[in-house]
PDB file of N, CA and C in Angstrom:
ATOM      1  N   MET A   1     -21.649  40.949   8.349  1.00  0.00           N
ATOM      2  CA  MET A   1     -21.248  39.952   9.412  1.00  0.00           C
ATOM      3  C   MET A   1     -21.473  40.780  10.933  1.00  0.00           C
ATOM      4  N   THR A   2     -21.803  40.182  11.870  1.00  0.00           N
ATOM      5  CA  THR A   2     -21.926  41.093  13.159  1.00  0.00           C
ATOM      6  C   THR A   2     -20.994  40.932  13.725  1.00  0.00           C
ATOM      7  N   ASN A   3     -20.513  41.989  14.801  1.00  0.00           N
ATOM      8  CA  ASN A   3     -19.414  41.663  15.589  1.00  0.00           C
ATOM      9  C   ASN A   3     -19.724  40.903  16.692  1.00  0.00           C
ATOM     10  N   PRO A   4     -18.895  40.178  17.378  1.00  0.00           N
ATOM     11  CA  PRO A   4     -19.342  38.899  18.156  1.00  0.00           C
ATOM     12  C   PRO A   4     -19.263  40.004  19.631  1.00  0.00           C
ATOM     13  N   PHE A   5     -18.621  40.657  20.079  1.00  0.00           N
ATOM     14  CA  PHE A   5     -18.249  41.515  21.046  1.00  0.00           C
ATOM     15  C   PHE A   5     -19.689  42.423  21.313  1.00  0.00           C
ATOM     16  N   GLU A   6     -20.550  42.233  20.381  1.00  0.00           N
ATOM     17  CA  GLU A   6     -21.900  43.333  20.265  1.00  0.00           C
ATOM     18  C   GLU A   6     -22.725  43.115  20.753  1.00  0.00           C
ATOM     19  N   SER A   7     -22.964  41.558  20.184  1.00  0.00           N
ATOM     20  CA  SER A   7     -24.162  40.866  19.910  1.00  0.00           C
ATOM     21  C   SER A   7     -24.174  39.890  21.366  1.00  0.00           C
ATOM     22  N   GLY A   8     -23.051  39.685  22.335  1.00  0.00           N
ATOM     23  CA  GLY A   8     -23.278  38.957  23.041  1.00  0.00           C
ATOM     24  C   GLY A   8     -22.818  37.284  22.750  1.00  0.00           C
ATOM     25  N   GLN A   9     -22.587  36.995  21.650  1.00  0.00           N
ATOM     26  CA  GLN A   9     -21.924  35.874  21.392  1.00  0.00           C
ATOM     27  C   GLN A   9     -20.239  35.212  21.638  1.00  0.00           C
ATOM     28  N   ILE A  10     -19.546  36.498  22.448  1.00  0.00           N
ATOM     29  CA  ILE A  10     -18.618  35.911  22.668  1.00  0.00           C
ATOM     30  C   ILE A  10     -18.254  35.083  23.999  1.00  0.00           C
ATOM     31  N   LYS A  11     -19.140  35.023  24.589  1.00  0.00           N
ATOM     32  CA  LYS A  11     -19.255  33.956  25.807  1.00  0.00           C
ATOM     33  C   LYS A  11     -19.234  32.635  25.180  1.00  0.00           C
ATOM     34  N   ASN A  12     -20.014  32.433  23.895  1.00  0.00           N
ATOM     35  CA  ASN A  12     -19.761  31.107  23.451  1.00  0.00           C
ATOM     36  C   ASN A  12     -18.435  30.631  22.621  1.00  0.00           C
ATOM     37  N   TYR A  13     -17.653  31.653  22.285  1.00  0.00           N
ATOM     38  CA  TYR A  13     -16.237  31.680  21.865  1.00  0.00           C
ATOM     39  C   TYR A  13     -15.320  31.033  22.757  1.00  0.00           C
ATOM     40  N   LEU A  14     -15.743  31.768  23.866  1.00  0.00           N
ATOM     41  CA  LEU A  14     -14.897  31.448  25.178  1.00  0.00           C
ATOM     42  C   LEU A  14     -15.101  30.249  25.933  1.00  0.00           C
ATOM     43  N   LEU A  15     -16.269  29.889  25.818  1.00  0.00           N
ATOM     44  CA  LEU A  15     -16.616  28.363  26.215  1.00  0.00           C
ATOM     45  C   LEU A  15     -16.192  27.491  25.230  1.00  0.00           C
ATOM     46  N   LEU A  16     -16.206  27.672  24.317  1.00  0.00           N
ATOM     47  CA  LEU A  16     -15.627  27.059  23.191  1.00  0.00           C
ATOM     48  C   LEU A  16     -14.270  26.619  23.241  1.00  0.00           C
ATOM     49  N   TYR A  17     -13.444  27.585  23.631  1.00  0.00           N
ATOM     50  CA  TYR A  17     -12.024  27.851  23.781  1.00  0.00           C
ATOM     51  C   TYR A  17     -11.468  27.088  24.981  1.00  0.00           C
ATOM     52  N   ALA A  18     -12.558  27.549  26.020  1.00  0.00           N
ATOM     53  CA  ALA A  18     -12.334  26.855  27.484  1.00  0.00           C
ATOM     54  C   ALA A  18     -12.498  25.207  27.360  1.00  0.00           C
ATOM     55  N   SER A  19     -13.267  24.442  26.564  1.00  0.00           N
ATOM     56  CA  SER A  19     -13.292  23.349  26.535  1.00  0.00           C
ATOM     57  C   SER A  19     -12.349  22.551  26.115  1.00  0.00           C
ATOM     58  N   VAL A  20     -12.075  23.437  24.596  1.00  0.00           N
ATOM     59  CA  VAL A  20     -10.828  22.560  23.973  1.00  0.00           C
ATOM     60  C   VAL A  20      -9.548  22.642  25.248  1.00  0.00           C
ATOM     61  N   VAL A  21      -9.417  23.800  25.561  1.00  0.00           N
ATOM     62  CA  VAL A  21      -8.315  23.726  26.694  1.00  0.00           C
ATOM     63  C   VAL A  21      -8.377  22.576  27.781  1.00  0.00           C
ATOM     64  N   VAL A  22      -9.556  22.548  28.209  1.00  0.00           N
ATOM     65  CA  VAL A  22      -9.948  21.446  29.289  1.00  0.00           C
ATOM     66  C   VAL A  22     -10.040  19.772  29.002  1.00  0.00           C
ATOM     67  N   ILE A  23      -9.974  19.728  27.476  1.00  0.00           N
ATOM     68  CA  ILE A  23      -9.906  18.543  26.913  1.00  0.00           C
ATOM     69  C   ILE A  23      -8.913  18.165  26.833  1.00  0.00           C
ATOM     70  N   MET A  24      -7.630  19.146  26.419  1.00  0.00           N
ATOM     71  CA  MET A  24      -6.319  18.921  26.270  1.00  0.00           C
ATOM     72  C   MET A  24      -5.682  18.595  27.353  1.00  0.00           C
ATOM     73  N   ILE A  25      -5.977  19.266  28.277  1.00  0.00           N
ATOM     74  CA  ILE A  25      -5.560  18.883  30.157  1.00  0.00           C
ATOM     75  C   ILE A  25      -6.080  17.648  30.333  1.00  0.00           C
ATOM     76  N   LEU A  26      -7.156  17.384  30.196  1.00  0.00           N
ATOM     77  CA  LEU A  26      -7.632  15.996  30.477  1.00  0.00           C
ATOM     78  C   LEU A  26      -6.912  14.812  29.783  1.00  0.00           C
ATOM     79  N   PHE A  27      -6.543  14.744  28.500  1.00  0.00           N
ATOM     80  CA  PHE A  27      -5.585  14.016  27.652  1.00  0.00           C
ATOM     81  C   PHE A  27      -4.142  13.930  28.419  1.00  0.00           C
ATOM     82  N   PHE A  28      -3.573  15.324  28.182  1.00  0.00           N
ATOM     83  CA  PHE A  28      -2.237  15.347  29.083  1.00  0.00           C
ATOM     84  C   PHE A  28      -2.367  14.193  30.564  1.00  0.00           C
ATOM     85  N   ILE A  29      -3.126  14.500  31.459  1.00  0.00           N
ATOM     86  CA  ILE A  29      -2.954  13.743  32.720  1.00  0.00           C
ATOM     87  C   ILE A  29      -3.434  12.678  32.529  1.00  0.00           C
ATOM     88  N   ALA A  30      -4.302  12.225  31.573  1.00  0.00           N
ATOM     89  CA  ALA A  30      -4.743  10.626  31.255  1.00  0.00           C
ATOM     90  C   ALA A  30      -3.415  10.190  30.743  1.00  0.00           C
ATOM     91  N   THR A  31      -2.324  10.884  29.942  1.00  0.00           N
ATOM     92  CA  THR A  31      -0.865  10.035  29.067  1.00  0.00           C
ATOM     93  C   THR A  31      -0.246   9.910  30.277  1.00  0.00           C
ATOM     94  N   THR A  32      -0.547  10.925  31.171  1.00  0.00           N
ATOM     95  CA  THR A  32       1.121  10.543  32.233  1.00  0.00           C
ATOM     96  C   THR A  32       0.578   9.879  33.219  1.00  0.00           C
ATOM     97  N   LEU A  33      -0.911   9.474  33.498  1.00  0.00           N
ATOM     98  CA  LEU A  33      -1.429   8.326  34.595  1.00  0.00           C
ATOM     99  C   LEU A  33      -1.085   7.284  33.829  1.00  0.00           C
ATOM    100  N   PHE A  34      -1.360   6.646  32.782  1.00  0.00           N
ATOM    101  CA  PHE A  34      -1.222   5.643  31.807  1.00  0.00           C
ATOM    102  C   PHE A  34      -0.679   5.111  31.219  1.00  0.00           C
ATOM    103  N   ASN A  35       0.521   5.940  31.068  1.00  0.00           N
ATOM    104  CA  ASN A  35       1.562   5.844  30.356  1.00  0.00           C
ATOM    105  C   ASN A  35       2.771   5.011  31.495  1.00  0.00           C
ATOM    106  N   ASN A  36       2.985   3.606  30.755  1.00  0.00           N
ATOM    107  CA  ASN A  36       3.602   2.659  31.854  1.00  0.00           C
ATOM    108  C   ASN A  36       5.111   2.930  31.368  1.00  0.00           C
ATOM    109  N   GLU A  37       6.152   2.546  32.038  1.00  0.00           N
ATOM    110  CA  GLU A  37       7.477   2.396  31.847  1.00  0.00           C
ATOM    111  C   GLU A  37       7.564   1.244  30.456  1.00  0.00           C
ATOM    112  N   PRO A  38       8.195   1.475  29.698  1.00  0.00           N
ATOM    113  CA  PRO A  38       8.467   0.535  28.513  1.00  0.00           C
ATOM    114  C   PRO A  38       9.366  -0.426  29.305  1.00  0.00           C
ATOM    115  N   LYS A  39       8.820  -1.942  29.223  1.00  0.00           N
ATOM    116  CA  LYS A  39       9.749  -2.933  29.467  1.00  0.00           C
ATOM    117  C   LYS A  39      10.795  -2.938  28.815  1.00  0.00           C
ATOM    118  N   LYS A  40      12.103  -3.620  29.624  1.00  0.00           N
ATOM    119  CA  LYS A  40      13.370  -3.866  28.965  1.00  0.00           C
ATOM    120  C   LYS A  40      13.222  -4.698  27.950  1.00  0.00           C
ATOM    121  N   ILE A  41      13.718  -4.680  26.663  1.00  0.00           N
ATOM    122  CA  ILE A  41      13.631  -5.735  25.868  1.00  0.00           C
ATOM    123  C   ILE A  41      15.034  -6.041  25.472  1.00  0.00           C
ATOM    124  N   GLU A  42      14.984  -7.677  25.404  1.00  0.00           N
ATOM    125  CA  GLU A  42      16.177  -8.387  25.807  1.00  0.00           C
ATOM    126  C   GLU A  42      16.628  -8.163  23.875  1.00  0.00           C
ATOM    127  N   LYS A  43      17.847  -8.248  24.084  1.00  0.00           N
ATOM    128  CA  LYS A  43      18.718  -8.278  22.868  1.00  0.00           C
ATOM    129  C   LYS A  43      18.491  -9.376  22.066  1.00  0.00           C
ATOM    130  N   ARG A  44      18.087  -9.872  20.937  1.00  0.00           N
ATOM    131  CA  ARG A  44      18.070 -11.334  20.866  1.00  0.00           C
ATOM    132  C   ARG A  44      19.696 -11.397  19.805  1.00  0.00           C
ATOM    133  N   VAL A  45      20.191 -12.603  19.720  1.00  0.00           N
ATOM    134  CA  VAL A  45      21.222 -12.932  19.226  1.00  0.00           C
ATOM    135  C   VAL A  45      21.138 -14.515  18.093  1.00  0.00           C
ATOM    136  N   PHE A  46      21.302 -14.082  17.136  1.00  0.00           N
ATOM    137  CA  PHE A  46      20.965 -14.757  16.253  1.00  0.00           C
ATOM    138  C   PHE A  46      22.539 -15.941  16.095  1.00  0.00           C
ATOM    139  N   ASN A  47      22.019 -17.314  15.365  1.00  0.00           N
ATOM    140  CA  ASN A  47      23.125 -18.164  15.402  1.00  0.00           C
ATOM    141  C   ASN A  47      23.739 -18.010  14.326  1.00  0.00           C
ATOM    142  N   THR A  48      24.554 -17.266  14.016  1.00  0.00           N
ATOM    143  CA  THR A  48      25.550 -16.922  12.441  1.00  0.00           C
ATOM    144  C   THR A  48      26.217 -17.939  12.012  1.00  0.00           C
ATOM    145  N   GLU A  49      26.820 -19.148  12.507  1.00  0.00           N
ATOM    146  CA  GLU A  49      27.716 -20.268  12.425  1.00  0.00           C
ATOM    147  C   GLU A  49      26.684 -20.951  11.518  1.00  0.00           C
ATOM    148  N   THR A  50      27.418 -21.419  10.486  1.00  0.00           N
ATOM    149  CA  THR A  50      26.649 -22.130   9.373  1.00  0.00           C
ATOM    150  C   THR A  50      27.236 -23.596   9.501  1.00  0.00           C
ATOM    151  N   THR A  51      26.070 -24.357   9.728  1.00  0.00           N
ATOM    152  CA  THR A  51      26.493 -25.702   9.868  1.00  0.00           C
ATOM    153  C   THR A  51      26.924 -26.422   8.457  1.00  0.00           C
ATOM    154  N   SER A  52      27.906 -27.594   8.777  1.00  0.00           N
ATOM    155  CA  SER A  52      28.595 -28.348   7.865  1.00  0.00           C
ATOM    156  C   SER A  52      27.651 -28.848   6.708  1.00  0.00           C
ATOM    157  N   SER A  53      26.414 -29.450   7.141  1.00  0.00           N
ATOM    158  CA  SER A  53      25.256 -29.906   5.835  1.00  0.00           C
ATOM    159  C   SER A  53      25.162 -28.597   5.165  1.00  0.00           C
ATOM    160  N   LEU A  54      25.098 -27.580   5.576  1.00  0.00           N
ATOM    161  CA  LEU A  54      24.423 -26.579   4.657  1.00  0.00           C
ATOM    162  C   LEU A  54      25.599 -26.142   3.748  1.00  0.00           C
ATOM    163  N   GLN A  55      27.024 -26.532   3.868  1.00  0.00           N
ATOM    164  CA  GLN A  55      27.981 -25.934   3.312  1.00  0.00           C
ATOM    165  C   GLN A  55      28.045 -26.822   2.369  1.00  0.00           C
ATOM    166  N   LYS A  56      27.753 -28.302   2.418  1.00  0.00           N
ATOM    167  CA  LYS A  56      28.104 -29.401   1.821  1.00  0.00           C
ATOM    168  C   LYS A  56      27.225 -29.196   0.534  1.00  0.00           C
ATOM    169  N   ASN A  57      25.742 -28.650   1.210  1.00  0.00           N
ATOM    170  CA  ASN A  57      24.798 -28.914   0.034  1.00  0.00           C
ATOM    171  C   ASN A  57      24.866 -27.651  -0.918  1.00  0.00           C
ATOM    172  N   LYS A  58      25.458 -26.998  -0.354  1.00  0.00           N
ATOM    173  CA  LYS A  58      25.939 -25.735  -1.783  1.00  0.00           C
ATOM    174  C   LYS A  58      26.614 -25.921  -2.544  1.00  0.00           C
ATOM    175  N   LYS A  59      27.916 -26.664  -2.099  1.00  0.00           N
ATOM    176  CA  LYS A  59      28.597 -27.008  -3.024  1.00  0.00           C
ATOM    177  C   LYS A  59      28.416 -28.407  -3.759  1.00  0.00           C
ATOM    178  N   SER A  60      27.421 -29.066  -3.578  1.00  0.00           N
ATOM    179  CA  SER A  60      26.920 -29.990  -4.367  1.00  0.00           C
ATOM    180  C   SER A  60      25.969 -29.770  -5.440  1.00  0.00           C
ATOM    181  N   ALA A  61      25.484 -28.601  -5.408  1.00  0.00           N
ATOM    182  CA  ALA A  61      24.319 -28.403  -6.010  1.00  0.00           C
ATOM    183  C   ALA A  61      24.591 -27.889  -7.465  1.00  0.00           C
ATOM    184  N   GLU A  62      24.051 -28.824  -8.046  1.00  0.00           N
ATOM    185  CA  GLU A  62      24.221 -28.864  -9.599  1.00  0.00           C
ATOM    186  C   GLU A  62      23.564 -27.390 -10.254  1.00  0.00           C
ATOM    187  N   PRO A  63      24.502 -26.579 -11.199  1.00  0.00           N
ATOM    188  CA  PRO A  63      24.096 -25.513 -12.116  1.00  0.00           C
ATOM    189  C   PRO A  63      22.623 -25.707 -12.903  1.00  0.00           C
ATOM    190  N   HIS A  64      22.815 -27.240 -13.490  1.00  0.00           N
ATOM    191  CA  HIS A  64      21.717 -27.736 -14.317  1.00  0.00           C
ATOM    192  C   HIS A  64      21.136 -28.851 -13.625  1.00  0.00           C
ATOM    193  N   ALA A  65      20.282 -28.470 -12.926  1.00  0.00           N
ATOM    194  CA  ALA A  65      19.444 -29.471 -12.004  1.00  0.00           C
ATOM    195  C   ALA A  65      18.279 -30.304 -13.044  1.00  0.00           C
ATOM    196  N   LYS A  66      17.843 -31.264 -12.864  1.00  0.00           N
ATOM    197  CA  LYS A  66      16.613 -31.830 -13.486  1.00  0.00           C
ATOM    198  C   LYS A  66      15.722 -31.120 -13.517  1.00  0.00           C
ATOM    199  N   THR A  67      14.800 -30.827 -14.136  1.00  0.00           N
ATOM    200  CA  THR A  67      13.528 -30.000 -14.538  1.00  0.00           C
ATOM    201  C   THR A  67      12.406 -30.810 -14.609  1.00  0.00           C
ATOM    202  N   LYS A  68      11.333 -30.435 -14.131  1.00  0.00           N
ATOM    203  CA  LYS A  68       9.933 -31.238 -14.186  1.00  0.00           C
ATOM    204  C   LYS A  68       9.426 -31.104 -15.473  1.00  0.00           C
ATOM    205  N   PHE A  69       9.829 -29.941 -16.036  1.00  0.00           N
ATOM    206  CA  PHE A  69       9.360 -29.535 -17.665  1.00  0.00           C
ATOM    207  C   PHE A  69      10.352 -29.867 -18.626  1.00  0.00           C
ATOM    208  N   LYS A  70      10.439 -30.473 -19.754  1.00  0.00           N
ATOM    209  CA  LYS A  70      11.561 -30.661 -20.729  1.00  0.00           C
ATOM    210  C   LYS A  70      10.831 -29.748 -21.917  1.00  0.00           C
ATOM    211  N   LEU A  71      12.081 -29.103 -22.379  1.00  0.00           N
ATOM    212  CA  LEU A  71      11.950 -27.744 -23.422  1.00  0.00           C
ATOM    213  C   LEU A  71      11.759 -28.814 -24.707  1.00  0.00           C
ATOM    214  N   LEU A  72      11.325 -28.443 -25.760  1.00  0.00           N
ATOM    215  CA  LEU A  72      11.277 -29.279 -27.005  1.00  0.00           C
ATOM    216  C   LEU A  72      12.637 -28.517 -27.559  1.00  0.00           C
ATOM    217  N   ASP A  73      13.012 -29.675 -28.448  1.00  0.00           N
ATOM    218  CA  ASP A  73      14.083 -29.262 -29.128  1.00  0.00           C
ATOM    219  C   ASP A  73      14.394 -28.501 -30.427  1.00  0.00           C
ATOM    220  N   LYS A  74      12.586 -28.189 -30.876  1.00  0.00           N
ATOM    221  CA  LYS A  74      12.824 -27.701 -32.104  1.00  0.00           C
ATOM    222  C   LYS A  74      12.027 -26.312 -31.693  1.00  0.00           C
ATOM    223  N   ALA A  75      12.480 -24.935 -32.036  1.00  0.00           N
ATOM    224  CA  ALA A  75      11.360 -24.052 -31.566  1.00  0.00           C
ATOM    225  C   ALA A  75      10.468 -23.799 -32.995  1.00  0.00           C
ATOM    226  N   TYR A  76       9.106 -23.418 -32.807  1.00  0.00           N
ATOM    227  CA  TYR A  76       8.096 -23.175 -33.851  1.00  0.00           C
ATOM    228  C   TYR A  76       8.215 -21.880 -33.733  1.00  0.00           C
TER     229      TYR A  76
END
């Protein structure tokens, strides 16, 4: 493997490093320019009160409600 300092390839490595640094600086500038202040988000408040009709439905629900299907009397 040849030494990049002796073969004159070092300028390619320096250009690559400089281009990466320039790209990083450009991205930093772009994010600071286009970064808008976050909008204030209003806290949502949900209605936690249950209505009386829902409470009545819970009490009147039968544990053995009629189903659409009928089971066989005898298991085979």
